[in-house]
Amino acid sequence: MVQEVPDTQENMEICKKFCGPCPTFKPNDLNTVKPHALFCARGASEKPAAEIEDRGCNCFACPVFHKYELKGGWYCMHSIEGR
């Protein structure tokens, strides 16, 4: 079962370490479109997924991903599966 990821400053600091260098995040300027980051807690980017060039995903290496036993990935494009 997917656990709810709290939108906390602690999780955001972890997120910055993984979304910042993400091969999909920077080239698509996802930091300029809400929710800007921490997509596993805040939901997918308001930028339409069809307009996001998929260049890979760093979610799988993120401690938040493991702590909350998340599935899937590419939360910037697809949000959390099962919600």
N, C-alpha and C. Protein backbone atom coordinates (compact mmCIF):
# COMPACT_ATOMS: atom_id res chain seq x y z
N MET A 1 0.85 -1.19 0.00
CA MET A 1 0.00 0.00 0.00
C MET A 1 0.89 1.24 0.00
N VAL A 2 0.57 2.18 -0.84
CA VAL A 2 1.33 3.42 -0.92
C VAL A 2 1.06 4.26 0.32
N GLN A 3 2.15 4.72 0.95
CA GLN A 3 2.02 5.56 2.13
C GLN A 3 1.99 7.02 1.72
N GLU A 4 1.26 7.82 2.47
CA GLU A 4 1.20 9.26 2.24
C GLU A 4 2.56 9.87 2.58
N VAL A 5 3.08 10.69 1.68
CA VAL A 5 4.36 11.36 1.90
C VAL A 5 4.06 12.76 2.46
N PRO A 6 4.52 13.06 3.67
CA PRO A 6 4.28 14.38 4.24
C PRO A 6 5.05 15.47 3.48
N ASP A 7 4.39 16.59 3.27
CA ASP A 7 5.00 17.75 2.63
C ASP A 7 5.71 18.55 3.71
N THR A 8 6.93 18.11 4.05
CA THR A 8 7.69 18.74 5.13
C THR A 8 8.98 19.33 4.59
N GLN A 9 9.57 20.23 5.35
CA GLN A 9 10.85 20.81 4.96
C GLN A 9 11.94 19.74 4.91
N GLU A 10 11.88 18.79 5.82
CA GLU A 10 12.85 17.69 5.83
C GLU A 10 12.78 16.90 4.52
N ASN A 11 11.57 16.54 4.09
CA ASN A 11 11.43 15.82 2.83
C ASN A 11 11.83 16.67 1.64
N MET A 12 11.56 17.98 1.70
CA MET A 12 11.97 18.87 0.62
C MET A 12 13.49 18.93 0.50
N GLU A 13 14.20 18.96 1.61
CA GLU A 13 15.66 18.99 1.57
C GLU A 13 16.21 17.72 0.93
N ILE A 14 15.61 16.59 1.24
CA ILE A 14 16.01 15.33 0.61
C ILE A 14 15.69 15.40 -0.88
N CYS A 15 14.50 15.88 -1.20
CA CYS A 15 14.06 15.99 -2.60
C CYS A 15 15.04 16.82 -3.44
N LYS A 16 15.50 17.91 -2.90
CA LYS A 16 16.42 18.78 -3.65
C LYS A 16 17.66 18.03 -4.11
N LYS A 17 18.09 17.08 -3.32
CA LYS A 17 19.29 16.31 -3.65
C LYS A 17 19.05 15.33 -4.80
N PHE A 18 17.79 14.98 -5.04
CA PHE A 18 17.47 13.99 -6.07
C PHE A 18 16.75 14.60 -7.26
N CYS A 19 15.82 15.51 -7.03
CA CYS A 19 15.15 16.18 -8.15
C CYS A 19 16.09 17.17 -8.84
N GLY A 20 16.89 17.86 -8.07
CA GLY A 20 17.81 18.86 -8.65
C GLY A 20 18.64 18.30 -9.79
N PRO A 21 19.33 17.18 -9.59
CA PRO A 21 20.13 16.62 -10.68
C PRO A 21 19.35 15.64 -11.58
N CYS A 22 18.05 15.50 -11.39
CA CYS A 22 17.26 14.56 -12.19
C CYS A 22 17.34 14.91 -13.67
N PRO A 23 17.55 13.92 -14.52
CA PRO A 23 17.69 14.19 -15.95
C PRO A 23 16.41 14.68 -16.61
N THR A 24 15.26 14.51 -15.97
CA THR A 24 13.99 15.01 -16.52
C THR A 24 13.64 16.37 -15.94
N PHE A 25 13.94 16.61 -14.68
CA PHE A 25 13.53 17.81 -13.96
C PHE A 25 14.09 19.10 -14.57
N LYS A 26 15.40 19.22 -14.67
CA LYS A 26 16.01 20.47 -15.14
C LYS A 26 15.71 20.79 -16.61
N PRO A 27 15.90 19.86 -17.53
CA PRO A 27 15.66 20.19 -18.94
C PRO A 27 14.22 20.62 -19.24
N ASN A 28 13.28 20.19 -18.42
CA ASN A 28 11.88 20.53 -18.62
C ASN A 28 11.44 21.72 -17.77
N ASP A 29 12.38 22.34 -17.06
CA ASP A 29 12.09 23.52 -16.21
C ASP A 29 10.93 23.27 -15.25
N LEU A 30 10.89 22.09 -14.65
CA LEU A 30 9.79 21.75 -13.77
C LEU A 30 9.78 22.58 -12.49
N ASN A 31 10.91 23.20 -12.17
CA ASN A 31 10.96 24.07 -10.99
C ASN A 31 10.20 25.37 -11.21
N THR A 32 9.81 25.67 -12.44
CA THR A 32 9.09 26.92 -12.74
C THR A 32 7.58 26.72 -12.79
N VAL A 33 7.13 25.47 -12.63
CA VAL A 33 5.71 25.14 -12.72
C VAL A 33 5.29 24.45 -11.43
N LYS A 34 4.16 24.83 -10.87
CA LYS A 34 3.69 24.21 -9.63
C LYS A 34 3.52 22.71 -9.82
N PRO A 35 3.83 21.94 -8.81
CA PRO A 35 4.22 22.29 -7.46
C PRO A 35 5.72 22.48 -7.25
N HIS A 36 6.50 22.58 -8.30
CA HIS A 36 7.93 22.91 -8.29
C HIS A 36 8.86 21.77 -7.88
N ALA A 37 8.45 20.91 -6.97
CA ALA A 37 9.29 19.80 -6.48
C ALA A 37 8.48 18.98 -5.49
N LEU A 38 9.10 17.98 -4.91
CA LEU A 38 8.47 17.07 -3.95
C LEU A 38 7.15 16.52 -4.49
N PHE A 39 7.22 16.06 -5.73
CA PHE A 39 6.04 15.59 -6.45
C PHE A 39 5.39 14.39 -5.80
N CYS A 40 6.15 13.60 -5.07
CA CYS A 40 5.58 12.43 -4.39
C CYS A 40 4.62 12.85 -3.28
N ALA A 41 4.78 14.04 -2.75
CA ALA A 41 3.88 14.56 -1.72
C ALA A 41 2.85 15.52 -2.29
N ARG A 42 3.24 16.29 -3.30
CA ARG A 42 2.40 17.39 -3.79
C ARG A 42 1.62 17.07 -5.06
N GLY A 43 1.97 16.00 -5.72
CA GLY A 43 1.30 15.64 -6.97
C GLY A 43 2.13 16.03 -8.17
N ALA A 44 1.66 15.61 -9.33
CA ALA A 44 2.38 15.83 -10.59
C ALA A 44 2.46 17.31 -10.93
N SER A 45 3.42 17.63 -11.75
CA SER A 45 3.60 18.99 -12.24
C SER A 45 2.35 19.44 -13.00
N GLU A 46 2.05 20.73 -12.92
CA GLU A 46 0.94 21.27 -13.70
C GLU A 46 1.29 21.34 -15.18
N LYS A 47 2.56 21.17 -15.51
CA LYS A 47 2.95 21.09 -16.92
C LYS A 47 2.43 19.75 -17.44
N PRO A 48 1.69 19.75 -18.54
CA PRO A 48 1.13 18.49 -19.04
C PRO A 48 2.21 17.45 -19.32
N ALA A 49 1.96 16.22 -18.93
CA ALA A 49 2.93 15.13 -19.11
C ALA A 49 3.35 15.01 -20.57
N ALA A 50 2.44 15.29 -21.49
CA ALA A 50 2.76 15.21 -22.92
C ALA A 50 3.81 16.23 -23.34
N GLU A 51 4.01 17.26 -22.51
CA GLU A 51 4.99 18.31 -22.80
C GLU A 51 6.30 18.12 -22.05
N ILE A 52 6.40 17.03 -21.28
CA ILE A 52 7.60 16.75 -20.52
C ILE A 52 8.38 15.66 -21.23
N GLU A 53 9.62 15.97 -21.58
CA GLU A 53 10.48 14.98 -22.23
C GLU A 53 11.09 14.09 -21.15
N ASP A 54 10.76 12.82 -21.19
CA ASP A 54 11.26 11.84 -20.21
C ASP A 54 12.72 11.52 -20.52
N ARG A 55 13.59 11.90 -19.58
CA ARG A 55 15.02 11.62 -19.73
C ARG A 55 15.54 10.73 -18.60
N GLY A 56 14.63 10.15 -17.87
CA GLY A 56 15.02 9.30 -16.75
C GLY A 56 14.43 9.79 -15.45
N CYS A 57 14.60 9.00 -14.41
CA CYS A 57 13.97 9.29 -13.12
C CYS A 57 14.94 8.97 -11.98
N ASN A 58 15.07 9.89 -11.04
CA ASN A 58 15.92 9.69 -9.87
C ASN A 58 15.14 9.22 -8.64
N CYS A 59 13.82 9.11 -8.74
CA CYS A 59 13.00 8.75 -7.58
C CYS A 59 13.47 7.47 -6.91
N PHE A 60 13.89 6.50 -7.70
CA PHE A 60 14.21 5.18 -7.17
C PHE A 60 15.40 5.18 -6.21
N ALA A 61 16.25 6.19 -6.29
CA ALA A 61 17.41 6.29 -5.40
C ALA A 61 17.13 7.18 -4.19
N CYS A 62 15.98 7.83 -4.16
CA CYS A 62 15.65 8.80 -3.12
C CYS A 62 15.27 8.12 -1.81
N PRO A 63 15.81 8.59 -0.69
CA PRO A 63 15.43 8.02 0.61
C PRO A 63 13.94 8.16 0.93
N VAL A 64 13.29 9.21 0.43
CA VAL A 64 11.84 9.37 0.66
C VAL A 64 11.09 8.22 -0.03
N PHE A 65 11.51 7.88 -1.23
CA PHE A 65 10.90 6.77 -1.98
C PHE A 65 10.94 5.49 -1.15
N HIS A 66 12.08 5.22 -0.54
CA HIS A 66 12.24 3.99 0.24
C HIS A 66 11.53 4.07 1.59
N LYS A 67 11.62 5.21 2.25
CA LYS A 67 11.01 5.37 3.57
C LYS A 67 9.50 5.15 3.52
N TYR A 68 8.87 5.66 2.46
CA TYR A 68 7.41 5.57 2.36
C TYR A 68 6.94 4.43 1.45
N GLU A 69 7.89 3.55 1.10
CA GLU A 69 7.59 2.35 0.32
C GLU A 69 6.80 2.68 -0.94
N LEU A 70 7.28 3.69 -1.67
CA LEU A 70 6.59 4.13 -2.87
C LEU A 70 6.80 3.16 -4.02
N LYS A 71 5.92 3.21 -4.97
CA LYS A 71 5.98 2.39 -6.17
C LYS A 71 6.00 3.34 -7.37
N GLY A 72 6.37 2.82 -8.49
CA GLY A 72 6.34 3.62 -9.72
C GLY A 72 7.54 4.53 -9.84
N GLY A 73 7.32 5.77 -9.93
CA GLY A 73 8.35 6.77 -10.14
C GLY A 73 7.80 7.81 -11.10
N TRP A 74 8.64 8.67 -11.58
CA TRP A 74 8.21 9.73 -12.51
C TRP A 74 7.02 10.50 -11.94
N TYR A 75 7.09 10.81 -10.64
CA TYR A 75 5.98 11.49 -9.97
C TYR A 75 5.74 12.89 -10.52
N CYS A 76 6.77 13.48 -11.11
CA CYS A 76 6.60 14.80 -11.72
C CYS A 76 5.63 14.73 -12.90
N MET A 77 5.56 13.58 -13.53
CA MET A 77 4.69 13.40 -14.70
C MET A 77 3.37 12.70 -14.35
N HIS A 78 3.42 11.76 -13.39
CA HIS A 78 2.27 10.88 -13.18
C HIS A 78 1.75 10.86 -11.75
N SER A 79 2.32 11.61 -10.86
CA SER A 79 1.92 11.62 -9.46
C SER A 79 2.15 10.23 -8.85
N ILE A 80 1.50 9.94 -7.75
CA ILE A 80 1.67 8.68 -7.03
C ILE A 80 0.63 7.68 -7.55
N GLU A 81 1.10 6.49 -7.90
CA GLU A 81 0.16 5.44 -8.32
C GLU A 81 -0.69 5.01 -7.13
N GLY A 82 -1.93 4.72 -7.39
CA GLY A 82 -2.82 4.23 -6.34
C GLY A 82 -3.55 5.31 -5.59
N ARG A 83 -3.35 6.57 -5.98
CA ARG A 83 -4.10 7.64 -5.31
C ARG A 83 -5.23 8.11 -6.16
